[in-house]
Amino acid sequence: MTTHFSLEEFLHSDTADSIGSNNYPTWSEVKNLEGLAEVMEKVRTILQNNSITINSGFRCLEVNQAVGGATNSAHLYALACDFVCPGFGTPYDVCKALEPHVKELELDQLIWEYGDWVHLGLTSGPPRYQCLTINNAGTFNGFG
């Protein structure tokens, strides 16, 4: 799809494998993934060209339900991915580095999730430019 990101990275799901789900996108969802991959190339540049590992990209409804994803998750529309970039730093470090670029990247959501990964979400409508932290205590604005 792009220099550093393949379609397979955005489709792979251990959960899909474990439940025997066909986690394949429609053609329009593949087009969304192409746009997401382009944004992730820009993210990689901001993160000093360090390698990024996609933990979760597109999720069909069955996979999204199996992982406990939100019913309106951008993953369902191939507009989100969860990732880490260990060569750059912790997920917190990644969020702090990306925060000044949220509008430039046209991100709907940038979320530091459970201290373990970064969620980057796009939207087909106007972006909300949200920077959030989600942990066991709830959802909070910013990366405090």
N, C-alpha and C. Protein backbone atom coordinates (compact mmCIF):
# COMPACT_ATOMS: atom_id res chain seq x y z
N MET A 1 0.81 -1.19 0.00
CA MET A 1 0.00 0.00 0.00
C MET A 1 0.86 1.26 0.00
N THR A 2 1.86 1.29 0.89
CA THR A 2 2.80 2.41 0.92
C THR A 2 4.20 1.82 1.13
N THR A 3 5.17 2.68 1.21
CA THR A 3 6.56 2.23 1.36
C THR A 3 6.75 1.34 2.59
N HIS A 4 6.14 1.73 3.72
CA HIS A 4 6.40 1.03 4.97
C HIS A 4 5.22 0.23 5.52
N PHE A 5 4.07 0.26 4.84
CA PHE A 5 2.88 -0.41 5.38
C PHE A 5 2.20 -1.25 4.31
N SER A 6 1.91 -2.49 4.68
CA SER A 6 1.22 -3.40 3.76
C SER A 6 -0.23 -3.58 4.19
N LEU A 7 -1.05 -4.01 3.25
CA LEU A 7 -2.45 -4.30 3.56
C LEU A 7 -2.54 -5.37 4.64
N GLU A 8 -1.67 -6.36 4.56
CA GLU A 8 -1.70 -7.46 5.52
C GLU A 8 -1.53 -6.97 6.96
N GLU A 9 -0.68 -5.94 7.16
CA GLU A 9 -0.49 -5.40 8.51
C GLU A 9 -1.79 -4.86 9.10
N PHE A 10 -2.59 -4.24 8.26
CA PHE A 10 -3.84 -3.65 8.72
C PHE A 10 -4.96 -4.67 8.84
N LEU A 11 -4.78 -5.85 8.28
CA LEU A 11 -5.82 -6.89 8.33
C LEU A 11 -5.55 -7.98 9.34
N HIS A 12 -4.27 -8.17 9.69
CA HIS A 12 -3.93 -9.27 10.61
C HIS A 12 -4.63 -9.09 11.95
N SER A 13 -5.16 -10.20 12.45
CA SER A 13 -5.82 -10.19 13.75
C SER A 13 -5.68 -11.56 14.39
N ASP A 14 -4.97 -11.60 15.52
CA ASP A 14 -4.89 -12.86 16.27
C ASP A 14 -6.27 -13.29 16.72
N THR A 15 -7.10 -12.32 17.08
CA THR A 15 -8.46 -12.64 17.51
C THR A 15 -9.24 -13.27 16.37
N ALA A 16 -9.14 -12.69 15.17
CA ALA A 16 -9.84 -13.27 14.01
C ALA A 16 -9.38 -14.71 13.79
N ASP A 17 -8.08 -14.93 13.89
CA ASP A 17 -7.55 -16.29 13.72
C ASP A 17 -8.12 -17.23 14.78
N SER A 18 -8.16 -16.77 16.02
CA SER A 18 -8.58 -17.66 17.11
C SER A 18 -10.08 -17.99 17.05
N ILE A 19 -10.88 -17.07 16.51
CA ILE A 19 -12.32 -17.36 16.43
C ILE A 19 -12.74 -17.83 15.04
N GLY A 20 -11.77 -17.95 14.13
CA GLY A 20 -12.05 -18.43 12.78
C GLY A 20 -12.84 -17.44 11.94
N SER A 21 -12.59 -16.15 12.18
CA SER A 21 -13.34 -15.11 11.46
C SER A 21 -12.65 -14.72 10.16
N ASN A 22 -13.45 -14.44 9.17
CA ASN A 22 -12.97 -13.92 7.90
C ASN A 22 -12.92 -12.40 8.04
N ASN A 23 -11.79 -11.86 8.38
CA ASN A 23 -11.63 -10.43 8.66
C ASN A 23 -11.22 -9.69 7.39
N TYR A 24 -12.03 -9.79 6.33
CA TYR A 24 -11.69 -9.16 5.06
C TYR A 24 -12.55 -7.92 4.83
N PRO A 25 -11.92 -6.85 4.37
CA PRO A 25 -12.65 -5.61 4.12
C PRO A 25 -13.31 -5.60 2.74
N THR A 26 -14.26 -4.68 2.59
CA THR A 26 -14.84 -4.42 1.28
C THR A 26 -13.87 -3.55 0.48
N TRP A 27 -14.18 -3.34 -0.78
CA TRP A 27 -13.32 -2.48 -1.62
C TRP A 27 -13.24 -1.07 -1.04
N SER A 28 -14.35 -0.51 -0.60
CA SER A 28 -14.32 0.85 -0.06
C SER A 28 -13.51 0.90 1.24
N GLU A 29 -13.54 -0.18 2.01
CA GLU A 29 -12.72 -0.23 3.23
C GLU A 29 -11.24 -0.34 2.88
N VAL A 30 -10.90 -1.04 1.81
CA VAL A 30 -9.51 -1.09 1.36
C VAL A 30 -9.05 0.32 0.97
N LYS A 31 -9.91 1.09 0.33
CA LYS A 31 -9.57 2.47 -0.04
C LYS A 31 -9.32 3.30 1.24
N ASN A 32 -10.15 3.07 2.27
CA ASN A 32 -9.93 3.76 3.54
C ASN A 32 -8.58 3.37 4.14
N LEU A 33 -8.23 2.09 4.04
CA LEU A 33 -6.94 1.63 4.57
C LEU A 33 -5.77 2.26 3.82
N GLU A 34 -5.94 2.49 2.53
CA GLU A 34 -4.89 3.16 1.77
C GLU A 34 -4.67 4.57 2.31
N GLY A 35 -5.76 5.27 2.61
CA GLY A 35 -5.63 6.61 3.20
C GLY A 35 -5.01 6.56 4.58
N LEU A 36 -5.39 5.57 5.36
CA LEU A 36 -4.82 5.39 6.70
C LEU A 36 -3.32 5.11 6.60
N ALA A 37 -2.93 4.28 5.65
CA ALA A 37 -1.50 3.98 5.47
C ALA A 37 -0.72 5.24 5.10
N GLU A 38 -1.32 6.11 4.30
CA GLU A 38 -0.65 7.38 3.95
C GLU A 38 -0.45 8.25 5.19
N VAL A 39 -1.46 8.29 6.05
CA VAL A 39 -1.32 9.05 7.31
C VAL A 39 -0.25 8.41 8.18
N MET A 40 -0.22 7.09 8.22
CA MET A 40 0.79 6.41 9.04
C MET A 40 2.21 6.64 8.52
N GLU A 41 2.36 6.86 7.22
CA GLU A 41 3.67 7.23 6.69
C GLU A 41 4.11 8.58 7.26
N LYS A 42 3.17 9.52 7.35
CA LYS A 42 3.47 10.83 7.95
C LYS A 42 3.79 10.69 9.42
N VAL A 43 3.06 9.82 10.10
CA VAL A 43 3.33 9.55 11.52
C VAL A 43 4.74 8.99 11.68
N ARG A 44 5.10 8.07 10.83
CA ARG A 44 6.44 7.48 10.90
C ARG A 44 7.52 8.56 10.73
N THR A 45 7.30 9.48 9.82
CA THR A 45 8.25 10.58 9.63
C THR A 45 8.37 11.42 10.90
N ILE A 46 7.24 11.75 11.51
CA ILE A 46 7.25 12.53 12.75
C ILE A 46 7.99 11.77 13.85
N LEU A 47 7.88 10.46 13.83
CA LEU A 47 8.53 9.62 14.84
C LEU A 47 9.95 9.22 14.42
N GLN A 48 10.58 10.12 13.68
CA GLN A 48 12.00 9.99 13.30
C GLN A 48 12.27 8.72 12.50
N ASN A 49 11.30 8.33 11.69
CA ASN A 49 11.43 7.18 10.78
C ASN A 49 11.65 5.85 11.49
N ASN A 50 11.23 5.77 12.75
CA ASN A 50 11.32 4.51 13.47
C ASN A 50 10.22 3.56 13.00
N SER A 51 10.50 2.29 13.04
CA SER A 51 9.56 1.25 12.64
C SER A 51 8.32 1.26 13.53
N ILE A 52 7.16 1.08 12.92
CA ILE A 52 5.89 1.05 13.62
C ILE A 52 5.29 -0.35 13.49
N THR A 53 4.76 -0.86 14.59
CA THR A 53 4.07 -2.15 14.59
C THR A 53 2.58 -1.90 14.76
N ILE A 54 1.79 -2.33 13.77
CA ILE A 54 0.34 -2.22 13.84
C ILE A 54 -0.18 -3.42 14.63
N ASN A 55 -0.85 -3.15 15.75
CA ASN A 55 -1.42 -4.23 16.56
C ASN A 55 -2.84 -4.58 16.13
N SER A 56 -3.55 -3.58 15.64
CA SER A 56 -4.93 -3.79 15.22
C SER A 56 -5.28 -2.73 14.19
N GLY A 57 -5.83 -3.17 13.08
CA GLY A 57 -6.27 -2.24 12.04
C GLY A 57 -7.74 -2.46 11.78
N PHE A 58 -8.07 -2.89 10.58
CA PHE A 58 -9.45 -3.17 10.23
C PHE A 58 -10.00 -4.31 11.09
N ARG A 59 -11.26 -4.15 11.53
CA ARG A 59 -11.95 -5.22 12.25
C ARG A 59 -13.35 -5.38 11.65
N CYS A 60 -13.66 -6.57 11.21
CA CYS A 60 -15.04 -6.85 10.83
C CYS A 60 -15.88 -6.84 12.11
N LEU A 61 -17.18 -6.81 11.98
CA LEU A 61 -18.07 -6.73 13.13
C LEU A 61 -17.82 -7.85 14.14
N GLU A 62 -17.64 -9.06 13.64
CA GLU A 62 -17.43 -10.22 14.52
C GLU A 62 -16.15 -10.05 15.36
N VAL A 63 -15.08 -9.59 14.72
CA VAL A 63 -13.81 -9.40 15.43
C VAL A 63 -13.93 -8.24 16.41
N ASN A 64 -14.57 -7.16 15.99
CA ASN A 64 -14.74 -6.01 16.87
C ASN A 64 -15.51 -6.39 18.13
N GLN A 65 -16.56 -7.19 17.96
CA GLN A 65 -17.32 -7.65 19.13
C GLN A 65 -16.47 -8.55 20.01
N ALA A 66 -15.66 -9.41 19.40
CA ALA A 66 -14.83 -10.34 20.16
C ALA A 66 -13.78 -9.63 21.01
N VAL A 67 -13.28 -8.48 20.54
CA VAL A 67 -12.28 -7.75 21.31
C VAL A 67 -12.90 -6.72 22.25
N GLY A 68 -14.22 -6.61 22.21
CA GLY A 68 -14.91 -5.65 23.07
C GLY A 68 -14.80 -4.23 22.56
N GLY A 69 -14.66 -4.06 21.24
CA GLY A 69 -14.55 -2.73 20.64
C GLY A 69 -15.86 -1.97 20.71
N ALA A 70 -15.75 -0.66 20.63
CA ALA A 70 -16.94 0.20 20.64
C ALA A 70 -17.82 -0.12 19.43
N THR A 71 -19.12 0.00 19.61
CA THR A 71 -20.05 -0.34 18.52
C THR A 71 -19.91 0.60 17.33
N ASN A 72 -19.35 1.78 17.54
CA ASN A 72 -19.12 2.73 16.45
C ASN A 72 -17.63 2.91 16.15
N SER A 73 -16.84 1.91 16.49
CA SER A 73 -15.39 1.98 16.33
C SER A 73 -14.98 2.30 14.90
N ALA A 74 -14.02 3.20 14.77
CA ALA A 74 -13.47 3.52 13.44
C ALA A 74 -12.76 2.32 12.82
N HIS A 75 -12.37 1.34 13.65
CA HIS A 75 -11.77 0.11 13.12
C HIS A 75 -12.73 -0.60 12.17
N LEU A 76 -14.03 -0.52 12.46
CA LEU A 76 -15.05 -1.18 11.63
C LEU A 76 -15.09 -0.65 10.20
N TYR A 77 -14.65 0.59 10.04
CA TYR A 77 -14.70 1.26 8.73
C TYR A 77 -13.32 1.40 8.10
N ALA A 78 -12.34 0.71 8.69
CA ALA A 78 -10.96 0.76 8.20
C ALA A 78 -10.40 2.17 8.29
N LEU A 79 -10.76 2.87 9.36
CA LEU A 79 -10.31 4.24 9.56
C LEU A 79 -9.49 4.40 10.85
N ALA A 80 -9.02 3.27 11.41
CA ALA A 80 -8.25 3.36 12.65
C ALA A 80 -7.24 2.24 12.74
N CYS A 81 -6.21 2.50 13.52
CA CYS A 81 -5.26 1.45 13.86
C CYS A 81 -4.71 1.71 15.25
N ASP A 82 -4.33 0.64 15.90
CA ASP A 82 -3.63 0.69 17.18
C ASP A 82 -2.20 0.26 16.89
N PHE A 83 -1.24 0.98 17.47
CA PHE A 83 0.15 0.70 17.13
C PHE A 83 1.09 1.07 18.26
N VAL A 84 2.33 0.60 18.12
CA VAL A 84 3.43 0.97 18.99
C VAL A 84 4.63 1.32 18.12
N CYS A 85 5.54 2.06 18.70
CA CYS A 85 6.78 2.45 18.00
C CYS A 85 7.92 2.43 19.02
N PRO A 86 8.35 1.22 19.42
CA PRO A 86 9.34 1.09 20.49
C PRO A 86 10.65 1.81 20.22
N GLY A 87 11.06 1.90 18.96
CA GLY A 87 12.30 2.59 18.65
C GLY A 87 12.25 4.08 18.94
N PHE A 88 11.04 4.63 18.98
CA PHE A 88 10.87 6.05 19.32
C PHE A 88 10.70 6.23 20.82
N GLY A 89 9.89 5.34 21.42
CA GLY A 89 9.63 5.46 22.86
C GLY A 89 8.36 4.74 23.25
N THR A 90 7.87 5.08 24.42
CA THR A 90 6.66 4.47 24.95
C THR A 90 5.44 5.00 24.18
N PRO A 91 4.29 4.34 24.31
CA PRO A 91 3.08 4.89 23.70
C PRO A 91 2.78 6.32 24.18
N TYR A 92 3.07 6.62 25.42
CA TYR A 92 2.91 7.98 25.93
C TYR A 92 3.82 8.95 25.16
N ASP A 93 5.08 8.57 24.97
CA ASP A 93 6.02 9.40 24.22
C ASP A 93 5.51 9.65 22.79
N VAL A 94 4.97 8.61 22.19
CA VAL A 94 4.43 8.72 20.82
C VAL A 94 3.27 9.70 20.79
N CYS A 95 2.35 9.58 21.74
CA CYS A 95 1.20 10.49 21.79
C CYS A 95 1.65 11.93 21.98
N LYS A 96 2.59 12.15 22.87
CA LYS A 96 3.09 13.51 23.11
C LYS A 96 3.77 14.08 21.85
N ALA A 97 4.46 13.23 21.11
CA ALA A 97 5.13 13.69 19.88
C ALA A 97 4.11 14.00 18.78
N LEU A 98 3.02 13.25 18.73
CA LEU A 98 2.01 13.43 17.68
C LEU A 98 1.01 14.53 18.01
N GLU A 99 0.83 14.82 19.28
CA GLU A 99 -0.18 15.79 19.71
C GLU A 99 -0.11 17.12 18.96
N PRO A 100 1.08 17.72 18.76
CA PRO A 100 1.13 18.99 18.03
C PRO A 100 0.75 18.88 16.55
N HIS A 101 0.64 17.66 16.04
CA HIS A 101 0.38 17.43 14.61
C HIS A 101 -1.03 16.92 14.33
N VAL A 102 -1.89 16.89 15.33
CA VAL A 102 -3.23 16.31 15.19
C VAL A 102 -4.01 16.99 14.07
N LYS A 103 -3.98 18.31 14.01
CA LYS A 103 -4.73 19.02 12.96
C LYS A 103 -4.08 18.83 11.60
N GLU A 104 -2.77 18.93 11.55
CA GLU A 104 -2.04 18.74 10.29
C GLU A 104 -2.31 17.35 9.70
N LEU A 105 -2.40 16.34 10.56
CA LEU A 105 -2.66 14.97 10.12
C LEU A 105 -4.16 14.70 9.92
N GLU A 106 -4.99 15.66 10.33
CA GLU A 106 -6.45 15.54 10.24
C GLU A 106 -6.97 14.32 10.99
N LEU A 107 -6.47 14.16 12.22
CA LEU A 107 -6.87 13.03 13.04
C LEU A 107 -8.19 13.32 13.74
N ASP A 108 -9.05 12.34 13.74
CA ASP A 108 -10.27 12.43 14.52
C ASP A 108 -9.95 12.18 15.99
N GLN A 109 -9.18 11.11 16.23
CA GLN A 109 -8.80 10.78 17.60
C GLN A 109 -7.36 10.27 17.66
N LEU A 110 -6.68 10.71 18.69
CA LEU A 110 -5.37 10.18 19.07
C LEU A 110 -5.53 9.78 20.53
N ILE A 111 -5.44 8.49 20.80
CA ILE A 111 -5.73 8.00 22.15
C ILE A 111 -4.57 7.17 22.69
N TRP A 112 -4.15 7.51 23.90
CA TRP A 112 -3.20 6.69 24.65
C TRP A 112 -4.05 5.68 25.43
N GLU A 113 -4.03 4.42 24.98
CA GLU A 113 -4.93 3.41 25.53
C GLU A 113 -4.22 2.48 26.51
N TYR A 114 -4.72 2.50 27.73
CA TYR A 114 -4.29 1.58 28.79
C TYR A 114 -2.77 1.57 29.00
N GLY A 115 -2.10 2.64 28.56
CA GLY A 115 -0.66 2.74 28.72
C GLY A 115 0.12 1.83 27.79
N ASP A 116 -0.59 1.04 26.96
CA ASP A 116 0.07 -0.01 26.19
C ASP A 116 0.19 0.26 24.69
N TRP A 117 -0.67 1.10 24.13
CA TRP A 117 -0.62 1.34 22.69
C TRP A 117 -1.24 2.69 22.36
N VAL A 118 -1.08 3.09 21.12
CA VAL A 118 -1.64 4.33 20.59
C VAL A 118 -2.76 3.96 19.63
N HIS A 119 -3.90 4.61 19.78
CA HIS A 119 -5.00 4.47 18.83
C HIS A 119 -5.03 5.74 17.99
N LEU A 120 -4.99 5.56 16.69
CA LEU A 120 -5.09 6.68 15.76
C LEU A 120 -6.34 6.45 14.92
N GLY A 121 -7.26 7.40 14.96
CA GLY A 121 -8.51 7.26 14.24
C GLY A 121 -8.76 8.41 13.29
N LEU A 122 -9.23 8.07 12.11
CA LEU A 122 -9.66 9.05 11.12
C LEU A 122 -11.18 9.04 11.07
N THR A 123 -11.77 9.88 10.25
CA THR A 123 -13.21 9.91 10.09
C THR A 123 -13.55 10.30 8.66
N SER A 124 -14.73 9.91 8.22
CA SER A 124 -15.19 10.33 6.89
C SER A 124 -15.83 11.71 6.95
N GLY A 125 -16.10 12.20 8.14
CA GLY A 125 -16.67 13.53 8.33
C GLY A 125 -15.61 14.49 8.83
N PRO A 126 -16.03 15.61 9.38
CA PRO A 126 -15.05 16.56 9.93
C PRO A 126 -14.36 15.98 11.16
N PRO A 127 -13.03 16.05 11.22
CA PRO A 127 -12.32 15.50 12.39
C PRO A 127 -12.58 16.31 13.65
N ARG A 128 -12.57 15.60 14.78
CA ARG A 128 -12.77 16.24 16.09
C ARG A 128 -11.46 16.68 16.73
N TYR A 129 -10.33 16.18 16.22
CA TYR A 129 -9.00 16.51 16.77
C TYR A 129 -8.91 16.18 18.26
N GLN A 130 -9.45 15.05 18.67
CA GLN A 130 -9.43 14.67 20.08
C GLN A 130 -8.12 14.01 20.46
N CYS A 131 -7.59 14.41 21.61
CA CYS A 131 -6.45 13.75 22.23
C CYS A 131 -6.94 13.25 23.58
N LEU A 132 -6.94 11.94 23.75
CA LEU A 132 -7.55 11.32 24.92
C LEU A 132 -6.65 10.28 25.56
N THR A 133 -6.91 10.02 26.81
CA THR A 133 -6.32 8.90 27.53
C THR A 133 -7.47 8.00 27.97
N ILE A 134 -7.34 6.71 27.70
CA ILE A 134 -8.32 5.73 28.19
C ILE A 134 -7.55 4.73 29.04
N ASN A 135 -8.06 4.54 30.27
CA ASN A 135 -7.49 3.52 31.14
C ASN A 135 -8.61 2.92 31.99
N ASN A 136 -8.26 2.11 32.95
CA ASN A 136 -9.28 1.44 33.75
C ASN A 136 -10.13 2.40 34.58
N ALA A 137 -9.65 3.63 34.76
CA ALA A 137 -10.40 4.63 35.52
C ALA A 137 -11.39 5.40 34.64
N GLY A 138 -11.28 5.27 33.32
CA GLY A 138 -12.20 5.98 32.43
C GLY A 138 -11.49 6.63 31.25
N THR A 139 -12.14 7.64 30.68
CA THR A 139 -11.62 8.38 29.53
C THR A 139 -11.40 9.82 29.94
N PHE A 140 -10.25 10.37 29.59
CA PHE A 140 -9.86 11.71 29.99
C PHE A 140 -9.31 12.49 28.81
N ASN A 141 -9.53 13.79 28.80
CA ASN A 141 -8.92 14.65 27.78
C ASN A 141 -7.44 14.77 28.04
N GLY A 142 -6.65 14.74 26.97
CA GLY A 142 -5.21 14.92 27.07
C GLY A 142 -4.48 13.65 27.46
N PHE A 143 -3.19 13.80 27.70
CA PHE A 143 -2.33 12.65 28.00
C PHE A 143 -1.70 12.77 29.38
N GLY A 144 -2.49 13.22 30.34
CA GLY A 144 -1.99 13.41 31.70
C GLY A 144 -1.77 12.13 32.37
